[in-house]
Amino acid sequence: MSTLRSAPANLFILLATAMAVALLSGCASSLPPAPQSAASAEYNYKIGPGDNLNIVVWRNPELSMSVPVRPDGKISAPLIDDLDAMGKDSTSLARDIEKELAKFIRDPVVTVIVTSFVGPYSEQIRVIGEAARPQILAYKQKMTLLDVMIAVGGITDFADGNRATILRAGDTNAQYSVRLKDLVKGGDVSANVEMQPGDVLIIPQSWF
């Protein structure tokens, strides 16, 4: 529960830092460029509030059902009142459900399939500033900056795209420069980089 309570506070600190960075975006050119390869080969999707899960209990169809992950990160299912799901992968959650069901049925075998994806707040990609549609995106393995730009509809006419930055929570809030104008307007694929879970993409406004 402490993790759930601290998540909004951590998110507020991260976004406050991001906004401060945006105000100082004139210094972005002195930042190191974002590494082109960033994703971990060992990444496993973590369940978050808003996800939908299909729980299949072998030989017990009456216990099998589709359930949403509640805003508190828990799920409810037949014979299970409240079970933490947030931050777990589908295999770990299946084993936890088996432990709960074992109190009532013999040797349960459970499979959990995630059917819609939101993910935990700590792994979502946030796009702020001069994007056409600033928003929060669910992180996907090998997601790139170009994927993010397509999802948010590109940058506005007022964006200073080549002074955009990535605030990377996974690197203790390290900040990297990215060349959005070259990528989106110029088609320069060398400006494309991989995203990491929890990245904040900050697109400043041009002063000219």
C-alpha atoms as a PDB file:
ATOM      1  CA  MET A   1       0.000   0.000   0.000  1.00  0.00           C
ATOM      2  CA  SER A   2       2.901   2.366   0.699  1.00  0.00           C
ATOM      3  CA  THR A   3       3.976   2.062  -2.930  1.00  0.00           C
ATOM      4  CA  LEU A   4       0.503   3.049  -4.114  1.00  0.00           C
ATOM      5  CA  ARG A   5       0.419   6.017  -1.777  1.00  0.00           C
ATOM      6  CA  SER A   6       3.851   7.267  -2.806  1.00  0.00           C
ATOM      7  CA  ALA A   7       3.185   6.958  -6.547  1.00  0.00           C
ATOM      8  CA  PRO A   8       1.194  10.227  -6.884  1.00  0.00           C
ATOM      9  CA  ALA A   9       3.818  12.111  -4.858  1.00  0.00           C
ATOM     10  CA  ASN A  10       6.645  10.711  -6.967  1.00  0.00           C
ATOM     11  CA  LEU A  11       4.703  11.549 -10.123  1.00  0.00           C
ATOM     12  CA  PHE A  12       4.162  15.122  -8.923  1.00  0.00           C
ATOM     13  CA  ILE A  13       7.887  15.541  -8.247  1.00  0.00           C
ATOM     14  CA  LEU A  14       8.771  14.111 -11.660  1.00  0.00           C
ATOM     15  CA  LEU A  15       6.331  16.369 -13.519  1.00  0.00           C
ATOM     16  CA  ALA A  16       7.409  19.410 -11.507  1.00  0.00           C
ATOM     17  CA  THR A  17      10.988  18.656 -12.486  1.00  0.00           C
ATOM     18  CA  ALA A  18       9.896  18.266 -16.100  1.00  0.00           C
ATOM     19  CA  MET A  19       8.187  21.650 -16.116  1.00  0.00           C
ATOM     20  CA  ALA A  20      11.257  23.283 -14.603  1.00  0.00           C
ATOM     21  CA  VAL A  21      13.356  21.678 -17.300  1.00  0.00           C
ATOM     22  CA  ALA A  22      10.971  22.995 -19.951  1.00  0.00           C
ATOM     23  CA  LEU A  23      11.411  26.547 -18.672  1.00  0.00           C
ATOM     24  CA  LEU A  24      15.180  26.126 -18.980  1.00  0.00           C
ATOM     25  CA  SER A  25      14.992  24.526 -22.401  1.00  0.00           C
ATOM     26  CA  GLY A  26      17.263  27.168 -23.898  1.00  0.00           C
ATOM     27  CA  CYS A  27      20.142  25.183 -22.376  1.00  0.00           C
ATOM     28  CA  ALA A  28      19.079  21.922 -24.014  1.00  0.00           C
ATOM     29  CA  SER A  29      21.810  22.102 -26.652  1.00  0.00           C
ATOM     30  CA  SER A  30      24.444  21.487 -23.954  1.00  0.00           C
ATOM     31  CA  LEU A  31      22.812  18.225 -22.913  1.00  0.00           C
ATOM     32  CA  PRO A  32      24.104  14.840 -24.086  1.00  0.00           C
ATOM     33  CA  PRO A  33      22.082  13.243 -26.896  1.00  0.00           C
ATOM     34  CA  ALA A  34      19.739  10.440 -25.934  1.00  0.00           C
ATOM     35  CA  PRO A  35      21.272   6.994 -26.556  1.00  0.00           C
ATOM     36  CA  GLN A  36      19.737   5.347 -29.621  1.00  0.00           C
ATOM     37  CA  SER A  37      19.381   1.992 -27.866  1.00  0.00           C
ATOM     38  CA  ALA A  38      17.724   2.139 -24.456  1.00  0.00           C
ATOM     39  CA  ALA A  39      15.368  -0.815 -23.960  1.00  0.00           C
ATOM     40  CA  SER A  40      16.289  -3.773 -21.810  1.00  0.00           C
ATOM     41  CA  ALA A  41      16.074  -7.216 -23.398  1.00  0.00           C
ATOM     42  CA  GLU A  42      14.723  -8.500 -20.063  1.00  0.00           C
ATOM     43  CA  TYR A  43      11.741  -6.145 -19.956  1.00  0.00           C
ATOM     44  CA  ASN A  44       8.479  -7.753 -18.806  1.00  0.00           C
ATOM     45  CA  TYR A  45       5.192  -5.881 -18.958  1.00  0.00           C
ATOM     46  CA  LYS A  46       3.921  -4.850 -15.538  1.00  0.00           C
ATOM     47  CA  ILE A  47       0.206  -4.693 -14.829  1.00  0.00           C
ATOM     48  CA  GLY A  48      -1.274  -1.334 -13.892  1.00  0.00           C
ATOM     49  CA  PRO A  49      -4.610   0.292 -12.953  1.00  0.00           C
ATOM     50  CA  GLY A  50      -6.981   0.348 -15.917  1.00  0.00           C
ATOM     51  CA  ASP A  51      -5.663  -2.862 -17.469  1.00  0.00           C
ATOM     52  CA  ASN A  52      -8.148  -5.608 -18.279  1.00  0.00           C
ATOM     53  CA  LEU A  53      -7.214  -9.186 -17.397  1.00  0.00           C
ATOM     54  CA  ASN A  54      -8.617 -12.461 -18.654  1.00  0.00           C
ATOM     55  CA  ILE A  55      -8.291 -15.013 -15.839  1.00  0.00           C
ATOM     56  CA  VAL A  56      -8.604 -18.636 -16.964  1.00  0.00           C
ATOM     57  CA  VAL A  57      -8.867 -21.371 -14.325  1.00  0.00           C
ATOM     58  CA  TRP A  58      -8.332 -24.778 -15.922  1.00  0.00           C
ATOM     59  CA  ARG A  59     -11.308 -27.134 -15.521  1.00  0.00           C
ATOM     60  CA  ASN A  60     -13.171 -24.458 -13.543  1.00  0.00           C
ATOM     61  CA  PRO A  61     -15.015 -22.282 -16.074  1.00  0.00           C
ATOM     62  CA  GLU A  62     -17.207 -20.846 -13.346  1.00  0.00           C
ATOM     63  CA  LEU A  63     -14.083 -19.238 -11.850  1.00  0.00           C
ATOM     64  CA  SER A  64     -12.773 -17.950 -15.179  1.00  0.00           C
ATOM     65  CA  MET A  65     -13.645 -14.384 -16.100  1.00  0.00           C
ATOM     66  CA  SER A  66     -12.444 -11.022 -17.385  1.00  0.00           C
ATOM     67  CA  VAL A  67     -11.718  -8.432 -14.686  1.00  0.00           C
ATOM     68  CA  PRO A  68     -10.450  -4.844 -14.637  1.00  0.00           C
ATOM     69  CA  VAL A  69      -7.579  -3.687 -12.462  1.00  0.00           C
ATOM     70  CA  ARG A  70      -9.094  -1.123 -10.114  1.00  0.00           C
ATOM     71  CA  PRO A  71      -7.607   2.347  -9.520  1.00  0.00           C
ATOM     72  CA  ASP A  72      -6.091   1.014  -6.283  1.00  0.00           C
ATOM     73  CA  GLY A  73      -4.167  -1.597  -8.274  1.00  0.00           C
ATOM     74  CA  LYS A  74      -6.201  -4.561  -7.006  1.00  0.00           C
ATOM     75  CA  ILE A  75      -8.533  -7.075  -8.627  1.00  0.00           C
ATOM     76  CA  SER A  76     -11.578  -8.973  -7.423  1.00  0.00           C
ATOM     77  CA  ALA A  77     -12.653 -12.340  -8.814  1.00  0.00           C
ATOM     78  CA  PRO A  78     -14.725 -15.347  -7.721  1.00  0.00           C
ATOM     79  CA  LEU A  79     -13.413 -16.572  -4.339  1.00  0.00           C
ATOM     80  CA  ILE A  80     -10.935 -13.648  -4.310  1.00  0.00           C
ATOM     81  CA  ASP A  81     -12.025 -10.399  -2.673  1.00  0.00           C
ATOM     82  CA  ASP A  82      -8.946  -8.202  -3.096  1.00  0.00           C
ATOM     83  CA  LEU A  83      -5.597  -9.135  -4.596  1.00  0.00           C
ATOM     84  CA  ASP A  84      -2.761  -6.786  -5.503  1.00  0.00           C
ATOM     85  CA  ALA A  85      -2.064  -6.849  -9.250  1.00  0.00           C
ATOM     86  CA  MET A  86      -0.233  -3.575  -9.828  1.00  0.00           C
ATOM     87  CA  GLY A  87       3.430  -3.965 -10.694  1.00  0.00           C
ATOM     88  CA  LYS A  88       3.237  -7.723 -11.281  1.00  0.00           C
ATOM     89  CA  ASP A  89       3.670  -9.538 -14.575  1.00  0.00           C
ATOM     90  CA  SER A  90       0.932 -11.916 -15.725  1.00  0.00           C
ATOM     91  CA  THR A  91       2.828 -15.045 -14.634  1.00  0.00           C
ATOM     92  CA  SER A  92       3.446 -13.764 -11.100  1.00  0.00           C
ATOM     93  CA  LEU A  93      -0.184 -12.744 -10.730  1.00  0.00           C
ATOM     94  CA  ALA A  94      -1.338 -16.175 -11.969  1.00  0.00           C
ATOM     95  CA  ARG A  95       0.746 -17.858  -9.264  1.00  0.00           C
ATOM     96  CA  ASP A  96      -0.731 -15.541  -6.610  1.00  0.00           C
ATOM     97  CA  ILE A  97      -4.261 -16.353  -7.771  1.00  0.00           C
ATOM     98  CA  GLU A  98      -3.445 -20.069  -7.595  1.00  0.00           C
ATOM     99  CA  LYS A  99      -2.382 -19.643  -3.955  1.00  0.00           C
ATOM    100  CA  GLU A 100      -5.663 -17.920  -3.134  1.00  0.00           C
ATOM    101  CA  LEU A 101      -7.812 -20.482  -4.972  1.00  0.00           C
ATOM    102  CA  ALA A 102      -5.937 -23.385  -3.369  1.00  0.00           C
ATOM    103  CA  LYS A 103      -7.807 -22.535  -0.168  1.00  0.00           C
ATOM    104  CA  PHE A 104     -11.016 -23.654  -1.875  1.00  0.00           C
ATOM    105  CA  ILE A 105     -10.179 -26.015  -4.766  1.00  0.00           C
ATOM    106  CA  ARG A 106      -7.545 -28.673  -5.305  1.00  0.00           C
ATOM    107  CA  ASP A 107      -4.439 -27.904  -7.398  1.00  0.00           C
ATOM    108  CA  PRO A 108      -5.761 -24.895  -9.351  1.00  0.00           C
ATOM    109  CA  VAL A 109      -4.015 -24.039 -12.623  1.00  0.00           C
ATOM    110  CA  VAL A 110      -4.413 -20.395 -13.620  1.00  0.00           C
ATOM    111  CA  THR A 111      -3.457 -18.410 -16.697  1.00  0.00           C
ATOM    112  CA  VAL A 112      -3.655 -14.597 -16.780  1.00  0.00           C
ATOM    113  CA  ILE A 113      -3.848 -12.807 -20.128  1.00  0.00           C
ATOM    114  CA  VAL A 114      -3.654  -9.011 -20.306  1.00  0.00           C
ATOM    115  CA  THR A 115      -6.201  -7.912 -22.920  1.00  0.00           C
ATOM    116  CA  SER A 116      -5.869  -4.120 -22.692  1.00  0.00           C
ATOM    117  CA  PHE A 117      -2.772  -2.229 -21.662  1.00  0.00           C
ATOM    118  CA  VAL A 118      -2.273   0.876 -19.553  1.00  0.00           C
ATOM    119  CA  GLY A 119       0.565  -0.141 -17.238  1.00  0.00           C
ATOM    120  CA  PRO A 120       1.679   1.291 -13.895  1.00  0.00           C
ATOM    121  CA  TYR A 121       2.141   5.052 -13.659  1.00  0.00           C
ATOM    122  CA  SER A 122       5.888   4.665 -13.153  1.00  0.00           C
ATOM    123  CA  GLU A 123       6.287   3.075 -16.615  1.00  0.00           C
ATOM    124  CA  GLN A 124       4.015   5.321 -18.681  1.00  0.00           C
ATOM    125  CA  ILE A 125       5.448   7.691 -21.288  1.00  0.00           C
ATOM    126  CA  ARG A 126       4.424  11.338 -20.792  1.00  0.00           C
ATOM    127  CA  VAL A 127       4.547  13.932 -23.554  1.00  0.00           C
ATOM    128  CA  ILE A 128       4.223  17.583 -22.520  1.00  0.00           C
ATOM    129  CA  GLY A 129       4.664  20.910 -24.268  1.00  0.00           C
ATOM    130  CA  GLU A 130       4.260  21.586 -27.980  1.00  0.00           C
ATOM    131  CA  ALA A 131       2.966  18.221 -29.140  1.00  0.00           C
ATOM    132  CA  ALA A 132      -0.157  18.232 -31.279  1.00  0.00           C
ATOM    133  CA  ARG A 133      -1.883  16.076 -28.638  1.00  0.00           C
ATOM    134  CA  PRO A 134       0.099  15.992 -25.360  1.00  0.00           C
ATOM    135  CA  GLN A 135      -0.814  12.817 -23.526  1.00  0.00           C
ATOM    136  CA  ILE A 136       0.214   9.765 -21.509  1.00  0.00           C
ATOM    137  CA  LEU A 137       1.085   6.583 -23.420  1.00  0.00           C
ATOM    138  CA  ALA A 138       1.515   3.007 -22.284  1.00  0.00           C
ATOM    139  CA  TYR A 139       5.138   1.897 -22.745  1.00  0.00           C
ATOM    140  CA  LYS A 140       5.795  -0.916 -25.214  1.00  0.00           C
ATOM    141  CA  GLN A 141       9.011  -2.892 -25.654  1.00  0.00           C
ATOM    142  CA  LYS A 142      11.292  -1.288 -28.270  1.00  0.00           C
ATOM    143  CA  MET A 143       9.074   1.803 -28.415  1.00  0.00           C
ATOM    144  CA  THR A 144      10.876   4.613 -30.219  1.00  0.00           C
ATOM    145  CA  LEU A 145      10.682   8.384 -30.284  1.00  0.00           C
ATOM    146  CA  LEU A 146       9.078   8.158 -33.735  1.00  0.00           C
ATOM    147  CA  ASP A 147       6.373   5.837 -32.349  1.00  0.00           C
ATOM    148  CA  VAL A 148       5.632   8.435 -29.675  1.00  0.00           C
ATOM    149  CA  MET A 149       5.467  11.238 -32.231  1.00  0.00           C
ATOM    150  CA  ILE A 150       3.010   9.289 -34.385  1.00  0.00           C
ATOM    151  CA  ALA A 151       0.822   8.625 -31.328  1.00  0.00           C
ATOM    152  CA  VAL A 152       0.688  12.322 -30.336  1.00  0.00           C
ATOM    153  CA  GLY A 153       0.230  13.616 -33.889  1.00  0.00           C
ATOM    154  CA  GLY A 154       3.643  15.240 -34.279  1.00  0.00           C
ATOM    155  CA  ILE A 155       4.687  18.687 -33.088  1.00  0.00           C
ATOM    156  CA  THR A 156       2.955  22.055 -33.420  1.00  0.00           C
ATOM    157  CA  ASP A 157       4.089  24.926 -35.651  1.00  0.00           C
ATOM    158  CA  PHE A 158       5.308  26.683 -32.507  1.00  0.00           C
ATOM    159  CA  ALA A 159       7.545  23.851 -31.303  1.00  0.00           C
ATOM    160  CA  ASP A 160      11.314  24.179 -31.019  1.00  0.00           C
ATOM    161  CA  GLY A 161      11.686  20.515 -31.890  1.00  0.00           C
ATOM    162  CA  ASN A 162      15.474  20.321 -31.900  1.00  0.00           C
ATOM    163  CA  ARG A 163      15.573  21.601 -28.324  1.00  0.00           C
ATOM    164  CA  ALA A 164      13.258  18.885 -27.058  1.00  0.00           C
ATOM    165  CA  THR A 165      14.491  16.757 -24.189  1.00  0.00           C
ATOM    166  CA  ILE A 166      13.821  13.407 -22.552  1.00  0.00           C
ATOM    167  CA  LEU A 167      13.736  13.285 -18.752  1.00  0.00           C
ATOM    168  CA  ARG A 168      14.602   9.680 -17.952  1.00  0.00           C
ATOM    169  CA  ALA A 169      13.346   8.424 -14.586  1.00  0.00           C
ATOM    170  CA  GLY A 170      15.189   5.131 -15.103  1.00  0.00           C
ATOM    171  CA  ASP A 171      18.501   7.027 -15.087  1.00  0.00           C
ATOM    172  CA  THR A 172      17.751   8.946 -11.877  1.00  0.00           C
ATOM    173  CA  ASN A 173      16.103  11.763 -13.856  1.00  0.00           C
ATOM    174  CA  ALA A 174      18.978  12.196 -16.298  1.00  0.00           C
ATOM    175  CA  GLN A 175      18.161  14.593 -19.133  1.00  0.00           C
ATOM    176  CA  TYR A 176      18.973  14.041 -22.812  1.00  0.00           C
ATOM    177  CA  SER A 177      18.512  16.133 -25.925  1.00  0.00           C
ATOM    178  CA  VAL A 178      16.564  14.834 -28.931  1.00  0.00           C
ATOM    179  CA  ARG A 179      16.157  16.257 -32.450  1.00  0.00           C
ATOM    180  CA  LEU A 180      12.423  16.142 -33.030  1.00  0.00           C
ATOM    181  CA  LYS A 181      12.401  18.658 -35.874  1.00  0.00           C
ATOM    182  CA  ASP A 182      15.014  16.680 -37.796  1.00  0.00           C
ATOM    183  CA  LEU A 183      13.096  13.463 -37.159  1.00  0.00           C
ATOM    184  CA  VAL A 184       9.523  14.618 -37.779  1.00  0.00           C
ATOM    185  CA  LYS A 185       9.964  17.426 -40.303  1.00  0.00           C
ATOM    186  CA  GLY A 186      13.193  16.321 -41.993  1.00  0.00           C
ATOM    187  CA  GLY A 187      12.759  12.559 -41.924  1.00  0.00           C
ATOM    188  CA  ASP A 188      16.216  12.052 -40.416  1.00  0.00           C
ATOM    189  CA  VAL A 189      16.019   8.506 -39.024  1.00  0.00           C
ATOM    190  CA  SER A 190      19.357   8.978 -37.257  1.00  0.00           C
ATOM    191  CA  ALA A 191      17.453  11.220 -34.820  1.00  0.00           C
ATOM    192  CA  ASN A 192      15.214   8.323 -33.789  1.00  0.00           C
ATOM    193  CA  VAL A 193      15.967   6.814 -30.350  1.00  0.00           C
ATOM    194  CA  GLU A 194      14.445   4.123 -28.163  1.00  0.00           C
ATOM    195  CA  MET A 195      12.302   5.132 -25.204  1.00  0.00           C
ATOM    196  CA  GLN A 196      12.477   3.722 -21.692  1.00  0.00           C
ATOM    197  CA  PRO A 197       9.634   3.104 -19.232  1.00  0.00           C
ATOM    198  CA  GLY A 198       8.812   6.303 -17.341  1.00  0.00           C
ATOM    199  CA  ASP A 199      10.351   8.711 -19.878  1.00  0.00           C
ATOM    200  CA  VAL A 200       8.990  12.273 -20.022  1.00  0.00           C
ATOM    201  CA  LEU A 201       9.316  13.944 -23.434  1.00  0.00           C
ATOM    202  CA  ILE A 202       9.414  17.734 -23.116  1.00  0.00           C
ATOM    203  CA  ILE A 203       8.826  19.812 -26.263  1.00  0.00           C
ATOM    204  CA  PRO A 204       9.510  23.519 -25.697  1.00  0.00           C
ATOM    205  CA  GLN A 205       8.016  26.458 -27.566  1.00  0.00           C
ATOM    206  CA  SER A 206      10.177  28.352 -30.003  1.00  0.00           C
ATOM    207  CA  TRP A 207      11.010  31.929 -29.021  1.00  0.00           C
ATOM    208  CA  PHE A 208      11.186  33.017 -32.666  1.00  0.00           C
END
